[in-house]
Each structure stands twice: as structure tokens, then as C-alpha cells.
Amino acid sequence: MKWERIPLGPLQTNAYILSHDNGTCVIFDPGSEGPKLVDYIEKQGLTPLAILLTHAHFDHIGAVDDVRNKWNVPVYIHENERDWLGNPLLNGSYYFMGEEVRIKEAEHVFTHEQELKIGEFIFQVFETPGHSPGSVSYYYKEMEAVFSGDALFAGSIGRTDLPGGNHTQLLRSIHDKLLQLPEETIVLSGHGPETTIGAEMDTNPFLHGFE
């Protein structure tokens, strides 16, 4: 079992490939450069089972259909952002990109926190809104890792000045959900390097003083 981080696109958004020893994998946030990502997966000899989205900002979804069309795999997203995939105004590409990002509808929509089993992978899905209203984090206990999207970064937190963002809500999500995980949990963020829950509890300036 291993994970690979692949920064993609002008914002260097982290796509993650979590692979099992049997050659299957799941892909988190394929945000851009679809042909590059597809080529990498093929060269690794992996068989994707699903695409898991932490949220639906354009830089996290741009290569979804490239991967989905290649392997005919389902996409998972929270219901609060199901309409963002095909709407450039909502996913932000209308404002930030030279071209509009439109992705086909997701096959699976989360309506609540739950356990999610895909092949040999079992995740706990946490609702962690604040950066965006449908942000979720995927905790993979077997590897003591959480895929946090743009909720929590090494030394920082997600921006909340985009539509649907809420600073207080984001801090509440981090404290009530992510910081409740074991301190050794690896945080795999949407941008930048990995960190741990313990490191962020000790040193992240945005998390101090919030009750």
C-alpha cells in the first residue's frame, strides 16, 4: 500500500494516487494535465477503481473526465457541490482560467458522513466545510493518513474568500474533525507538502486560540 503525490496545473494542485499491492488504486482530485496523469497511471500498471473529490474547485476537477473516460470509473463528491462540476461560475474556472471547466455529473454523491468501501480500500468520509460548502476529507486508517483537500495545509489553512467560504466554519471543521485524529496521522493536502496532525496542533498559527 502506498500513496503518490502528483502536483498538476498552474496552481500545482496535488492529485494523489493511493494504490494497493494488488494493483488497484483510487485517485484523489485529478485537477489538470489529464494526459500526463493518465500516462503516469498506465506506466505504473495500476487499475483505477474510483475518483474521490475533496471539493469541486476547478483546479481539483479539471482532469476528472480524462481519467473517467479512460477507465470508466465512478466519481464521488458531496451533494453541496454536485452542481459545481458542470458550472464554471460555481467551480471558479470562469473567473480564474482562460477556459471554462465543465465536468460530467458525479456517479456518487455524499449526503452525510459515512464509511466508504471501494475494493480493498475503506475510508471514513468527514464533512469539513469552510473552504467550500461541500468540502470533505477522507481518512484512511490503515495508513494513518487523511486526504484533506484545501481544508488544512502545512502551516496554514484553506482560503475562505471564495463563494461559499466561511472562516469560522473552516476552523470548526478542522478542530472538530481533523484534529480529533491521532497526532501521527499524515495530512495529505491539496497544495504543498504533507504534514501531520500533531505538527499542525503544535505549530500552525491559524489554529491557536480557537475554541
Protein backbone atom coordinates (compact mmCIF):
# COMPACT_ATOMS: atom_id res chain seq x y z
CA MET A 1 0.00 0.00 0.00
CA LYS A 2 1.41 3.39 -0.95
CA TRP A 3 0.46 6.90 -1.99
CA GLU A 4 1.93 9.18 -4.62
CA ARG A 5 1.53 12.95 -4.82
CA ILE A 6 1.44 14.47 -8.31
CA PRO A 7 1.23 18.30 -8.45
CA LEU A 8 -0.68 19.33 -11.56
CA GLY A 9 -1.53 22.51 -13.42
CA PRO A 10 -0.63 26.18 -12.91
CA LEU A 11 -1.64 26.08 -9.25
CA GLN A 12 0.30 22.85 -8.65
CA THR A 13 -2.75 21.19 -7.13
CA ASN A 14 -1.93 17.85 -5.59
CA ALA A 15 -3.54 14.81 -7.14
CA TYR A 16 -2.96 11.67 -5.10
CA ILE A 17 -2.87 8.07 -6.22
CA LEU A 18 -3.43 5.59 -3.42
CA SER A 19 -2.54 2.11 -4.61
CA HIS A 20 -2.96 -1.35 -3.17
CA ASP A 21 -0.50 -4.20 -3.51
CA ASN A 22 -2.94 -5.92 -5.88
CA GLY A 23 -2.51 -3.12 -8.45
CA THR A 24 -5.79 -1.31 -7.87
CA CYS A 25 -5.88 2.36 -6.95
CA VAL A 26 -8.11 5.31 -6.20
CA ILE A 27 -7.38 8.83 -7.41
CA PHE A 28 -7.95 11.98 -5.39
CA ASP A 29 -8.56 15.36 -7.04
CA PRO A 30 -7.25 14.94 -10.60
CA GLY A 31 -7.10 18.66 -11.20
CA SER A 32 -5.35 19.23 -14.52
CA GLU A 33 -2.99 17.79 -17.13
CA GLY A 34 -5.17 14.76 -17.77
CA PRO A 35 -2.92 13.08 -20.40
CA LYS A 36 0.09 13.36 -18.07
CA LEU A 37 -1.85 11.78 -15.22
CA VAL A 38 -3.28 9.00 -17.38
CA ASP A 39 0.18 8.24 -18.76
CA TYR A 40 1.63 8.02 -15.26
CA ILE A 41 -1.07 5.62 -14.07
CA GLU A 42 -0.61 3.42 -17.14
CA LYS A 43 3.16 3.29 -16.72
CA GLN A 44 2.68 2.20 -13.10
CA GLY A 45 0.46 -0.63 -14.29
CA LEU A 46 -2.38 0.44 -11.99
CA THR A 47 -6.11 -0.13 -12.36
CA PRO A 48 -8.17 2.81 -11.04
CA LEU A 49 -11.37 1.98 -9.16
CA ALA A 50 -12.73 5.45 -8.43
CA ILE A 51 -12.12 9.20 -8.38
CA LEU A 52 -12.61 10.81 -4.98
CA LEU A 53 -13.08 14.58 -4.88
CA THR A 54 -12.42 16.62 -1.77
CA HIS A 55 -14.29 19.54 -3.36
CA ALA A 56 -15.15 20.93 -6.76
CA HIS A 57 -12.97 23.97 -7.36
CA PHE A 58 -11.67 23.99 -10.93
CA ASP A 59 -8.08 23.20 -10.00
CA HIS A 60 -9.20 19.95 -8.34
CA ILE A 61 -11.50 18.63 -11.10
CA GLY A 62 -10.03 19.59 -14.47
CA ALA A 63 -8.76 16.11 -15.37
CA VAL A 64 -11.70 14.14 -13.95
CA ASP A 65 -13.21 13.25 -17.31
CA ASP A 66 -9.83 12.29 -18.81
CA VAL A 67 -9.41 9.68 -16.10
CA ARG A 68 -13.07 8.65 -16.01
CA ASN A 69 -13.28 8.20 -19.77
CA LYS A 70 -10.08 6.13 -19.86
CA TRP A 71 -11.10 3.62 -17.19
CA ASN A 72 -14.87 4.13 -16.85
CA VAL A 73 -14.63 4.70 -13.10
CA PRO A 74 -17.17 6.48 -10.88
CA VAL A 75 -16.71 9.91 -9.32
CA TYR A 76 -17.60 10.71 -5.70
CA ILE A 77 -18.47 14.20 -4.39
CA HIS A 78 -20.53 15.85 -1.66
CA GLU A 79 -24.08 16.86 -2.57
CA ASN A 80 -23.40 20.52 -1.74
CA GLU A 81 -21.12 20.75 -4.76
CA ARG A 82 -22.62 18.24 -7.16
CA ASP A 83 -23.76 21.12 -9.40
CA TRP A 84 -20.34 22.75 -9.41
CA LEU A 85 -18.79 20.19 -11.73
CA GLY A 86 -20.57 21.46 -14.80
CA ASN A 87 -20.88 25.12 -13.80
CA PRO A 88 -17.84 27.36 -14.42
CA LEU A 89 -19.34 30.12 -12.29
CA LEU A 90 -19.53 27.82 -9.27
CA ASN A 91 -16.26 25.92 -9.75
CA GLY A 92 -14.40 29.17 -10.32
CA SER A 93 -12.93 28.48 -13.74
CA TYR A 94 -14.99 31.32 -15.24
CA TYR A 95 -13.09 33.81 -13.11
CA PHE A 96 -9.61 32.31 -12.87
CA MET A 97 -8.99 30.30 -16.03
CA GLY A 98 -8.57 31.10 -19.68
CA GLU A 99 -11.10 28.37 -20.41
CA GLU A 100 -14.18 27.10 -18.64
CA VAL A 101 -14.04 23.77 -16.83
CA ARG A 102 -17.14 21.62 -17.29
CA ILE A 103 -17.20 18.08 -15.91
CA LYS A 104 -19.94 15.49 -16.28
CA GLU A 105 -22.12 14.69 -13.27
CA ALA A 106 -20.72 12.53 -10.49
CA GLU A 107 -21.97 8.97 -10.18
CA HIS A 108 -21.99 9.02 -6.36
CA VAL A 109 -22.99 11.87 -4.07
CA PHE A 110 -22.36 12.01 -0.32
CA THR A 111 -25.25 13.27 1.76
CA HIS A 112 -23.67 12.60 5.16
CA GLU A 113 -20.52 11.35 6.84
CA GLN A 114 -20.01 7.67 6.25
CA GLU A 115 -17.71 4.73 5.81
CA LEU A 116 -16.82 4.24 2.17
CA LYS A 117 -15.55 0.91 0.85
CA ILE A 118 -14.06 0.72 -2.64
CA GLY A 119 -12.34 -2.54 -3.46
CA GLU A 120 -9.77 -3.15 -0.73
CA PHE A 121 -9.91 0.48 0.43
CA ILE A 122 -12.00 1.60 3.39
CA PHE A 123 -12.29 5.32 4.17
CA GLN A 124 -14.07 7.42 6.74
CA VAL A 125 -15.60 10.41 4.96
CA PHE A 126 -15.72 13.56 7.10
CA GLU A 127 -17.63 16.69 6.19
CA THR A 128 -15.10 19.52 6.54
CA PRO A 129 -16.75 22.61 5.01
CA GLY A 130 -15.41 26.14 5.25
CA HIS A 131 -13.05 26.41 2.30
CA SER A 132 -16.10 25.48 0.27
CA PRO A 133 -19.56 24.24 1.34
CA GLY A 134 -19.08 20.67 0.15
CA SER A 135 -15.51 20.04 1.23
CA VAL A 136 -14.87 16.56 2.60
CA SER A 137 -11.81 14.78 3.96
CA TYR A 138 -11.05 11.08 3.51
CA TYR A 139 -9.42 9.31 6.44
CA TYR A 140 -7.62 6.09 5.62
CA LYS A 141 -6.97 4.45 8.96
CA GLU A 142 -4.88 1.60 7.57
CA MET A 143 -2.18 4.09 6.53
CA GLU A 144 -2.91 6.66 9.23
CA ALA A 145 -3.45 9.30 6.56
CA VAL A 146 -6.13 11.86 5.77
CA PHE A 147 -6.68 13.46 2.37
CA SER A 148 -7.79 16.91 3.48
CA GLY A 149 -8.15 18.81 0.22
CA ASP A 150 -7.86 22.54 0.85
CA ALA A 151 -9.05 22.46 4.46
CA LEU A 152 -5.69 22.08 6.21
CA PHE A 153 -2.16 22.69 4.94
CA ALA A 154 1.31 22.51 6.42
CA GLY A 155 1.40 25.71 8.46
CA SER A 156 -1.79 27.14 7.00
CA ILE A 157 -5.48 26.60 6.27
CA GLY A 158 -7.66 26.97 3.19
CA ARG A 159 -8.73 30.35 1.88
CA THR A 160 -12.30 31.33 2.67
CA ASP A 161 -12.82 34.36 0.42
CA LEU A 162 -14.32 32.37 -2.45
CA PRO A 163 -18.09 31.79 -2.90
CA GLY A 164 -19.42 29.59 -0.11
CA GLY A 165 -16.32 30.02 2.05
CA ASN A 166 -16.63 30.61 5.79
CA HIS A 167 -13.60 31.14 8.01
CA THR A 168 -15.26 30.25 11.31
CA GLN A 169 -16.83 27.15 9.78
CA LEU A 170 -13.45 26.03 8.42
CA LEU A 171 -11.77 26.38 11.81
CA ARG A 172 -14.63 24.43 13.39
CA SER A 173 -14.25 21.67 10.79
CA ILE A 174 -10.53 21.41 11.43
CA HIS A 175 -10.88 21.35 15.21
CA ASP A 176 -13.91 19.08 15.41
CA LYS A 177 -12.93 16.60 12.71
CA LEU A 178 -9.28 16.67 11.67
CA LEU A 179 -7.64 17.49 14.99
CA GLN A 180 -9.55 14.62 16.59
CA LEU A 181 -7.50 12.16 14.55
CA PRO A 182 -4.36 10.56 16.06
CA GLU A 183 -1.47 13.02 16.16
CA GLU A 184 0.68 10.77 13.96
CA THR A 185 -1.90 10.96 11.13
CA ILE A 186 -0.31 12.17 7.90
CA VAL A 187 -2.16 15.12 6.35
CA LEU A 188 -2.14 14.97 2.55
CA SER A 189 -3.22 18.44 1.46
CA GLY A 190 -4.47 19.88 -1.79
CA HIS A 191 -1.36 22.04 -2.16
CA GLY A 192 2.14 21.81 -0.76
CA PRO A 193 3.91 19.11 1.26
CA GLU A 194 2.49 16.60 3.67
CA THR A 195 2.39 17.29 7.39
CA THR A 196 0.94 15.58 10.46
CA ILE A 197 -1.95 16.35 12.75
CA GLY A 198 0.44 16.65 15.68
CA ALA A 199 2.69 19.12 13.87
CA GLU A 200 -0.24 21.35 12.97
CA MET A 201 -1.61 21.24 16.50
CA ASP A 202 1.76 22.43 17.77
CA THR A 203 2.85 24.96 15.17
CA ASN A 204 0.01 26.08 12.86
CA PRO A 205 -0.61 29.75 13.77
CA PHE A 206 -4.14 29.72 12.34
CA LEU A 207 -5.29 27.06 14.80
CA HIS A 208 -4.19 28.67 18.04
CA GLY A 209 -6.76 30.38 20.24
CA PHE A 210 -9.82 28.89 18.55
CA GLU A 211 -12.34 27.24 20.85
